[in-house]
Amino acid sequence: FQYLKRHDQGYNLDTFCYEAHSVEGSPAECLQQFLLHCGITDPSWSELRNFAWFLNVQLRDCEASVFCNPDFVQDTLQGF
């Protein structure tokens, strides 16, 4: 939810790192972001759950990857 919210607000996500167990916004705001970004017009709860799970796995892998670390990559992959 935090990534989607910041993306919509135009933040630079290259420097954002999720803090475990931190809570932002309400459950209604979270659901609204998932509905906005899941890509399905009228998703079921199962489809929303799968979207949230997949997004979580991808973002966790991205944060763990050295190739997504701006300190390591510097300007080598700028704009990628």
PDB file of N, CA and C in Angstrom:
ATOM      1  N   PHE A   1       0.822  -1.189   0.000  1.00  0.00           N
ATOM      2  CA  PHE A   1       0.000   0.000   0.000  1.00  0.00           C
ATOM      3  C   PHE A   1       0.869   1.257   0.000  1.00  0.00           C
ATOM      4  N   GLN A   2       1.939   1.226   0.780  1.00  0.00           N
ATOM      5  CA  GLN A   2       2.792   2.409   0.901  1.00  0.00           C
ATOM      6  C   GLN A   2       3.439   2.774  -0.433  1.00  0.00           C
ATOM      7  N   TYR A   3       3.862   1.775  -1.203  1.00  0.00           N
ATOM      8  CA  TYR A   3       4.450   2.061  -2.515  1.00  0.00           C
ATOM      9  C   TYR A   3       3.406   2.651  -3.455  1.00  0.00           C
ATOM     10  N   LEU A   4       2.225   2.053  -3.503  1.00  0.00           N
ATOM     11  CA  LEU A   4       1.173   2.538  -4.394  1.00  0.00           C
ATOM     12  C   LEU A   4       0.772   3.964  -4.033  1.00  0.00           C
ATOM     13  N   LYS A   5       0.639   4.239  -2.759  1.00  0.00           N
ATOM     14  CA  LYS A   5       0.261   5.570  -2.293  1.00  0.00           C
ATOM     15  C   LYS A   5       1.316   6.602  -2.695  1.00  0.00           C
ATOM     16  N   ARG A   6       2.586   6.267  -2.471  1.00  0.00           N
ATOM     17  CA  ARG A   6       3.664   7.200  -2.826  1.00  0.00           C
ATOM     18  C   ARG A   6       3.781   7.371  -4.344  1.00  0.00           C
ATOM     19  N   HIS A   7       3.547   6.291  -5.085  1.00  0.00           N
ATOM     20  CA  HIS A   7       3.590   6.373  -6.544  1.00  0.00           C
ATOM     21  C   HIS A   7       2.545   7.365  -7.049  1.00  0.00           C
ATOM     22  N   ASP A   8       1.344   7.285  -6.504  1.00  0.00           N
ATOM     23  CA  ASP A   8       0.272   8.194  -6.912  1.00  0.00           C
ATOM     24  C   ASP A   8       0.562   9.643  -6.542  1.00  0.00           C
ATOM     25  N   GLN A   9       1.335   9.842  -5.476  1.00  0.00           N
ATOM     26  CA  GLN A   9       1.651  11.190  -5.021  1.00  0.00           C
ATOM     27  C   GLN A   9       2.898  11.748  -5.692  1.00  0.00           C
ATOM     28  N   GLY A  10       3.530  10.966  -6.575  1.00  0.00           N
ATOM     29  CA  GLY A  10       4.672  11.438  -7.340  1.00  0.00           C
ATOM     30  C   GLY A  10       6.011  11.380  -6.620  1.00  0.00           C
ATOM     31  N   TYR A  11       6.106  10.595  -5.551  1.00  0.00           N
ATOM     32  CA  TYR A  11       7.372  10.463  -4.830  1.00  0.00           C
ATOM     33  C   TYR A  11       8.378   9.673  -5.645  1.00  0.00           C
ATOM     34  N   ASN A  12       9.664   9.907  -5.394  1.00  0.00           N
ATOM     35  CA  ASN A  12      10.728   9.120  -6.001  1.00  0.00           C
ATOM     36  C   ASN A  12      10.837   7.802  -5.228  1.00  0.00           C
ATOM     37  N   LEU A  13      10.439   6.712  -5.827  1.00  0.00           N
ATOM     38  CA  LEU A  13      10.431   5.426  -5.149  1.00  0.00           C
ATOM     39  C   LEU A  13      11.806   4.781  -5.094  1.00  0.00           C
ATOM     40  N   ASP A  14      12.798   5.352  -5.793  1.00  0.00           N
ATOM     41  CA  ASP A  14      14.152   4.798  -5.760  1.00  0.00           C
ATOM     42  C   ASP A  14      14.752   4.852  -4.360  1.00  0.00           C
ATOM     43  N   THR A  15      14.355   5.822  -3.584  1.00  0.00           N
ATOM     44  CA  THR A  15      14.951   5.990  -2.261  1.00  0.00           C
ATOM     45  C   THR A  15      14.037   5.528  -1.132  1.00  0.00           C
ATOM     46  N   PHE A  16      12.819   5.106  -1.446  1.00  0.00           N
ATOM     47  CA  PHE A  16      11.882   4.668  -0.406  1.00  0.00           C
ATOM     48  C   PHE A  16      12.153   3.218  -0.043  1.00  0.00           C
ATOM     49  N   CYS A  17      12.128   2.932   1.234  1.00  0.00           N
ATOM     50  CA  CYS A  17      12.284   1.555   1.711  1.00  0.00           C
ATOM     51  C   CYS A  17      11.225   1.305   2.781  1.00  0.00           C
ATOM     52  N   TYR A  18      10.471   0.262   2.599  1.00  0.00           N
ATOM     53  CA  TYR A  18       9.397  -0.094   3.525  1.00  0.00           C
ATOM     54  C   TYR A  18       9.975  -0.435   4.892  1.00  0.00           C
ATOM     55  N   GLU A  19       9.328   0.046   5.944  1.00  0.00           N
ATOM     56  CA  GLU A  19       9.684  -0.316   7.313  1.00  0.00           C
ATOM     57  C   GLU A  19       8.697  -1.377   7.798  1.00  0.00           C
ATOM     58  N   ALA A  20       9.218  -2.523   8.192  1.00  0.00           N
ATOM     59  CA  ALA A  20       8.356  -3.621   8.645  1.00  0.00           C
ATOM     60  C   ALA A  20       7.494  -3.187   9.817  1.00  0.00           C
ATOM     61  N   HIS A  21       6.255  -3.594   9.782  1.00  0.00           N
ATOM     62  CA  HIS A  21       5.259  -3.352  10.831  1.00  0.00           C
ATOM     63  C   HIS A  21       4.838  -1.891  10.943  1.00  0.00           C
ATOM     64  N   SER A  22       5.208  -1.062   9.985  1.00  0.00           N
ATOM     65  CA  SER A  22       4.735   0.323  10.015  1.00  0.00           C
ATOM     66  C   SER A  22       3.355   0.375   9.366  1.00  0.00           C
ATOM     67  N   VAL A  23       2.490   1.217   9.890  1.00  0.00           N
ATOM     68  CA  VAL A  23       1.116   1.311   9.413  1.00  0.00           C
ATOM     69  C   VAL A  23       0.867   2.734   8.934  1.00  0.00           C
ATOM     70  N   GLU A  24       0.314   2.842   7.744  1.00  0.00           N
ATOM     71  CA  GLU A  24      -0.065   4.139   7.191  1.00  0.00           C
ATOM     72  C   GLU A  24      -1.475   4.034   6.643  1.00  0.00           C
ATOM     73  N   GLY A  25      -2.256   5.068   6.829  1.00  0.00           N
ATOM     74  CA  GLY A  25      -3.594   5.111   6.271  1.00  0.00           C
ATOM     75  C   GLY A  25      -4.547   4.132   6.931  1.00  0.00           C
ATOM     76  N   SER A  26      -5.743   4.130   6.392  1.00  0.00           N
ATOM     77  CA  SER A  26      -6.797   3.267   6.926  1.00  0.00           C
ATOM     78  C   SER A  26      -6.980   2.041   6.028  1.00  0.00           C
ATOM     79  N   PRO A  27      -7.667   1.025   6.514  1.00  0.00           N
ATOM     80  CA  PRO A  27      -7.973  -0.134   5.667  1.00  0.00           C
ATOM     81  C   PRO A  27      -8.762   0.272   4.414  1.00  0.00           C
ATOM     82  N   ALA A  28      -9.638   1.268   4.536  1.00  0.00           N
ATOM     83  CA  ALA A  28     -10.413   1.725   3.374  1.00  0.00           C
ATOM     84  C   ALA A  28      -9.499   2.344   2.312  1.00  0.00           C
ATOM     85  N   GLU A  29      -8.504   3.116   2.744  1.00  0.00           N
ATOM     86  CA  GLU A  29      -7.553   3.708   1.791  1.00  0.00           C
ATOM     87  C   GLU A  29      -6.729   2.628   1.100  1.00  0.00           C
ATOM     88  N   CYS A  30      -6.343   1.620   1.854  1.00  0.00           N
ATOM     89  CA  CYS A  30      -5.581   0.504   1.288  1.00  0.00           C
ATOM     90  C   CYS A  30      -6.408  -0.218   0.223  1.00  0.00           C
ATOM     91  N   LEU A  31      -7.640  -0.528   0.545  1.00  0.00           N
ATOM     92  CA  LEU A  31      -8.531  -1.197  -0.404  1.00  0.00           C
ATOM     93  C   LEU A  31      -8.738  -0.344  -1.649  1.00  0.00           C
ATOM     94  N   GLN A  32      -8.888   0.948  -1.470  1.00  0.00           N
ATOM     95  CA  GLN A  32      -9.062   1.860  -2.606  1.00  0.00           C
ATOM     96  C   GLN A  32      -7.839   1.821  -3.522  1.00  0.00           C
ATOM     97  N   GLN A  33      -6.639   1.816  -2.960  1.00  0.00           N
ATOM     98  CA  GLN A  33      -5.422   1.745  -3.770  1.00  0.00           C
ATOM     99  C   GLN A  33      -5.342   0.423  -4.530  1.00  0.00           C
ATOM    100  N   PHE A  34      -5.675  -0.677  -3.856  1.00  0.00           N
ATOM    101  CA  PHE A  34      -5.655  -1.975  -4.534  1.00  0.00           C
ATOM    102  C   PHE A  34      -6.661  -2.013  -5.677  1.00  0.00           C
ATOM    103  N   LEU A  35      -7.857  -1.480  -5.455  1.00  0.00           N
ATOM    104  CA  LEU A  35      -8.868  -1.449  -6.516  1.00  0.00           C
ATOM    105  C   LEU A  35      -8.418  -0.592  -7.690  1.00  0.00           C
ATOM    106  N   LEU A  36      -7.735   0.490  -7.396  1.00  0.00           N
ATOM    107  CA  LEU A  36      -7.259   1.406  -8.427  1.00  0.00           C
ATOM    108  C   LEU A  36      -6.155   0.785  -9.279  1.00  0.00           C
ATOM    109  N   HIS A  37      -5.290  -0.005  -8.662  1.00  0.00           N
ATOM    110  CA  HIS A  37      -4.088  -0.483  -9.348  1.00  0.00           C
ATOM    111  C   HIS A  37      -4.106  -1.947  -9.767  1.00  0.00           C
ATOM    112  N   CYS A  38      -5.104  -2.718  -9.385  1.00  0.00           N
ATOM    113  CA  CYS A  38      -5.050  -4.153  -9.677  1.00  0.00           C
ATOM    114  C   CYS A  38      -5.273  -4.471 -11.151  1.00  0.00           C
ATOM    115  N   GLY A  39      -5.864  -3.577 -11.909  1.00  0.00           N
ATOM    116  CA  GLY A  39      -6.024  -3.793 -13.340  1.00  0.00           C
ATOM    117  C   GLY A  39      -7.280  -4.540 -13.743  1.00  0.00           C
ATOM    118  N   ILE A  40      -8.146  -4.830 -12.809  1.00  0.00           N
ATOM    119  CA  ILE A  40      -9.399  -5.536 -13.096  1.00  0.00           C
ATOM    120  C   ILE A  40     -10.546  -4.615 -12.700  1.00  0.00           C
ATOM    121  N   THR A  41     -11.530  -4.488 -13.574  1.00  0.00           N
ATOM    122  CA  THR A  41     -12.631  -3.553 -13.343  1.00  0.00           C
ATOM    123  C   THR A  41     -13.431  -3.868 -12.092  1.00  0.00           C
ATOM    124  N   ASP A  42     -13.830  -5.097 -11.927  1.00  0.00           N
ATOM    125  CA  ASP A  42     -14.634  -5.489 -10.766  1.00  0.00           C
ATOM    126  C   ASP A  42     -14.024  -6.749 -10.153  1.00  0.00           C
ATOM    127  N   PRO A  43     -12.894  -6.608  -9.432  1.00  0.00           N
ATOM    128  CA  PRO A  43     -12.188  -7.794  -8.950  1.00  0.00           C
ATOM    129  C   PRO A  43     -12.892  -8.475  -7.781  1.00  0.00           C
ATOM    130  N   SER A  44     -12.683  -9.775  -7.699  1.00  0.00           N
ATOM    131  CA  SER A  44     -13.178 -10.537  -6.541  1.00  0.00           C
ATOM    132  C   SER A  44     -12.175 -10.365  -5.404  1.00  0.00           C
ATOM    133  N   TRP A  45     -12.561 -10.808  -4.208  1.00  0.00           N
ATOM    134  CA  TRP A  45     -11.629 -10.750  -3.074  1.00  0.00           C
ATOM    135  C   TRP A  45     -10.400 -11.598  -3.357  1.00  0.00           C
ATOM    136  N   SER A  46     -10.599 -12.710  -4.020  1.00  0.00           N
ATOM    137  CA  SER A  46      -9.480 -13.595  -4.357  1.00  0.00           C
ATOM    138  C   SER A  46      -8.495 -12.894  -5.304  1.00  0.00           C
ATOM    139  N   GLU A  47      -9.022 -12.188  -6.290  1.00  0.00           N
ATOM    140  CA  GLU A  47      -8.152 -11.466  -7.224  1.00  0.00           C
ATOM    141  C   GLU A  47      -7.398 -10.337  -6.523  1.00  0.00           C
ATOM    142  N   LEU A  48      -8.062  -9.651  -5.602  1.00  0.00           N
ATOM    143  CA  LEU A  48      -7.372  -8.601  -4.835  1.00  0.00           C
ATOM    144  C   LEU A  48      -6.294  -9.202  -3.942  1.00  0.00           C
ATOM    145  N   ARG A  49      -6.582 -10.333  -3.335  1.00  0.00           N
ATOM    146  CA  ARG A  49      -5.592 -10.996  -2.492  1.00  0.00           C
ATOM    147  C   ARG A  49      -4.388 -11.413  -3.321  1.00  0.00           C
ATOM    148  N   ASN A  50      -4.618 -11.995  -4.485  1.00  0.00           N
ATOM    149  CA  ASN A  50      -3.520 -12.405  -5.363  1.00  0.00           C
ATOM    150  C   ASN A  50      -2.698 -11.202  -5.824  1.00  0.00           C
ATOM    151  N   PHE A  51      -3.366 -10.104  -6.145  1.00  0.00           N
ATOM    152  CA  PHE A  51      -2.655  -8.892  -6.536  1.00  0.00           C
ATOM    153  C   PHE A  51      -1.774  -8.391  -5.395  1.00  0.00           C
ATOM    154  N   ALA A  52      -2.314  -8.333  -4.191  1.00  0.00           N
ATOM    155  CA  ALA A  52      -1.553  -7.854  -3.030  1.00  0.00           C
ATOM    156  C   ALA A  52      -0.376  -8.787  -2.736  1.00  0.00           C
ATOM    157  N   TRP A  53      -0.597 -10.089  -2.829  1.00  0.00           N
ATOM    158  CA  TRP A  53       0.469 -11.059  -2.583  1.00  0.00           C
ATOM    159  C   TRP A  53       1.578 -10.905  -3.623  1.00  0.00           C
ATOM    160  N   PHE A  54       1.210 -10.845  -4.900  1.00  0.00           N
ATOM    161  CA  PHE A  54       2.194 -10.722  -5.973  1.00  0.00           C
ATOM    162  C   PHE A  54       2.981  -9.421  -5.845  1.00  0.00           C
ATOM    163  N   LEU A  55       2.289  -8.318  -5.574  1.00  0.00           N
ATOM    164  CA  LEU A  55       2.960  -7.032  -5.405  1.00  0.00           C
ATOM    165  C   LEU A  55       3.943  -7.094  -4.240  1.00  0.00           C
ATOM    166  N   ASN A  56       3.531  -7.692  -3.140  1.00  0.00           N
ATOM    167  CA  ASN A  56       4.393  -7.821  -1.970  1.00  0.00           C
ATOM    168  C   ASN A  56       5.663  -8.610  -2.292  1.00  0.00           C
ATOM    169  N   VAL A  57       5.522  -9.728  -2.984  1.00  0.00           N
ATOM    170  CA  VAL A  57       6.682 -10.561  -3.346  1.00  0.00           C
ATOM    171  C   VAL A  57       7.623  -9.778  -4.259  1.00  0.00           C
ATOM    172  N   GLN A  58       7.067  -9.101  -5.257  1.00  0.00           N
ATOM    173  CA  GLN A  58       7.896  -8.351  -6.203  1.00  0.00           C
ATOM    174  C   GLN A  58       8.640  -7.208  -5.521  1.00  0.00           C
ATOM    175  N   LEU A  59       7.961  -6.474  -4.645  1.00  0.00           N
ATOM    176  CA  LEU A  59       8.603  -5.354  -3.963  1.00  0.00           C
ATOM    177  C   LEU A  59       9.659  -5.837  -2.973  1.00  0.00           C
ATOM    178  N   ARG A  60       9.400  -6.941  -2.292  1.00  0.00           N
ATOM    179  CA  ARG A  60      10.396  -7.504  -1.371  1.00  0.00           C
ATOM    180  C   ARG A  60      11.647  -7.918  -2.138  1.00  0.00           C
ATOM    181  N   ASP A  61      11.465  -8.580  -3.287  1.00  0.00           N
ATOM    182  CA  ASP A  61      12.609  -8.978  -4.110  1.00  0.00           C
ATOM    183  C   ASP A  61      13.357  -7.760  -4.646  1.00  0.00           C
ATOM    184  N   CYS A  62      12.616  -6.735  -5.030  1.00  0.00           N
ATOM    185  CA  CYS A  62      13.234  -5.519  -5.549  1.00  0.00           C
ATOM    186  C   CYS A  62      14.092  -4.849  -4.474  1.00  0.00           C
ATOM    187  N   GLU A  63      13.572  -4.747  -3.262  1.00  0.00           N
ATOM    188  CA  GLU A  63      14.339  -4.125  -2.180  1.00  0.00           C
ATOM    189  C   GLU A  63      15.579  -4.934  -1.837  1.00  0.00           C
ATOM    190  N   ALA A  64      15.531  -6.254  -2.005  1.00  0.00           N
ATOM    191  CA  ALA A  64      16.668  -7.107  -1.676  1.00  0.00           C
ATOM    192  C   ALA A  64      17.714  -7.160  -2.786  1.00  0.00           C
ATOM    193  N   SER A  65      17.357  -6.746  -3.992  1.00  0.00           N
ATOM    194  CA  SER A  65      18.261  -6.833  -5.137  1.00  0.00           C
ATOM    195  C   SER A  65      19.299  -5.719  -5.118  1.00  0.00           C
ATOM    196  N   VAL A  66      20.542  -6.107  -5.313  1.00  0.00           N
ATOM    197  CA  VAL A  66      21.621  -5.118  -5.379  1.00  0.00           C
ATOM    198  C   VAL A  66      21.451  -4.223  -6.618  1.00  0.00           C
ATOM    199  N   PHE A  67      20.820  -4.727  -7.660  1.00  0.00           N
ATOM    200  CA  PHE A  67      20.633  -3.960  -8.882  1.00  0.00           C
ATOM    201  C   PHE A  67      19.577  -2.866  -8.747  1.00  0.00           C
ATOM    202  N   CYS A  68      18.795  -2.908  -7.681  1.00  0.00           N
ATOM    203  CA  CYS A  68      17.805  -1.867  -7.403  1.00  0.00           C
ATOM    204  C   CYS A  68      18.273  -0.923  -6.302  1.00  0.00           C
ATOM    205  N   ASN A  69      19.502  -1.084  -5.875  1.00  0.00           N
ATOM    206  CA  ASN A  69      20.082  -0.237  -4.837  1.00  0.00           C
ATOM    207  C   ASN A  69      20.755   0.967  -5.498  1.00  0.00           C
ATOM    208  N   PRO A  70      20.217   2.185  -5.316  1.00  0.00           N
ATOM    209  CA  PRO A  70      20.785   3.359  -5.976  1.00  0.00           C
ATOM    210  C   PRO A  70      22.227   3.642  -5.562  1.00  0.00           C
ATOM    211  N   ASP A  71      22.629   3.227  -4.369  1.00  0.00           N
ATOM    212  CA  ASP A  71      24.017   3.433  -3.945  1.00  0.00           C
ATOM    213  C   ASP A  71      24.977   2.550  -4.730  1.00  0.00           C
ATOM    214  N   PHE A  72      24.539   1.350  -5.096  1.00  0.00           N
ATOM    215  CA  PHE A  72      25.372   0.426  -5.863  1.00  0.00           C
ATOM    216  C   PHE A  72      25.368   0.777  -7.353  1.00  0.00           C
ATOM    217  N   VAL A  73      24.197   1.008  -7.897  1.00  0.00           N
ATOM    218  CA  VAL A  73      24.044   1.237  -9.332  1.00  0.00           C
ATOM    219  C   VAL A  73      24.500   2.637  -9.730  1.00  0.00           C
ATOM    220  N   GLN A  74      24.288   3.600  -8.857  1.00  0.00           N
ATOM    221  CA  GLN A  74      24.580   5.018  -9.095  1.00  0.00           C
ATOM    222  C   GLN A  74      23.889   5.462 -10.372  1.00  0.00           C
ATOM    223  N   ASP A  75      24.597   6.016 -11.343  1.00  0.00           N
ATOM    224  CA  ASP A  75      23.943   6.510 -12.556  1.00  0.00           C
ATOM    225  C   ASP A  75      24.062   5.554 -13.740  1.00  0.00           C
ATOM    226  N   THR A  76      24.554   4.320 -13.490  1.00  0.00           N
ATOM    227  CA  THR A  76      24.740   3.361 -14.568  1.00  0.00           C
ATOM    228  C   THR A  76      23.449   3.029 -15.293  1.00  0.00           C
ATOM    229  N   LEU A  77      22.379   2.821 -14.547  1.00  0.00           N
ATOM    230  CA  LEU A  77      21.084   2.449 -15.128  1.00  0.00           C
ATOM    231  C   LEU A  77      20.066   3.563 -14.993  1.00  0.00           C
ATOM    232  N   GLN A  78      20.495   4.792 -15.104  1.00  0.00           N
ATOM    233  CA  GLN A  78      19.597   5.925 -14.906  1.00  0.00           C
ATOM    234  C   GLN A  78      18.427   5.852 -15.880  1.00  0.00           C
ATOM    235  N   GLY A  79      17.212   5.997 -15.319  1.00  0.00           N
ATOM    236  CA  GLY A  79      16.006   5.963 -16.122  1.00  0.00           C
ATOM    237  C   GLY A  79      15.471   4.573 -16.386  1.00  0.00           C
ATOM    238  N   PHE A  80      16.168   3.570 -15.920  1.00  0.00           N
ATOM    239  CA  PHE A  80      15.753   2.179 -16.172  1.00  0.00           C
ATOM    240  C   PHE A  80      14.605   1.807 -15.300  1.00  0.00           C
TER     241      PHE A  80
END
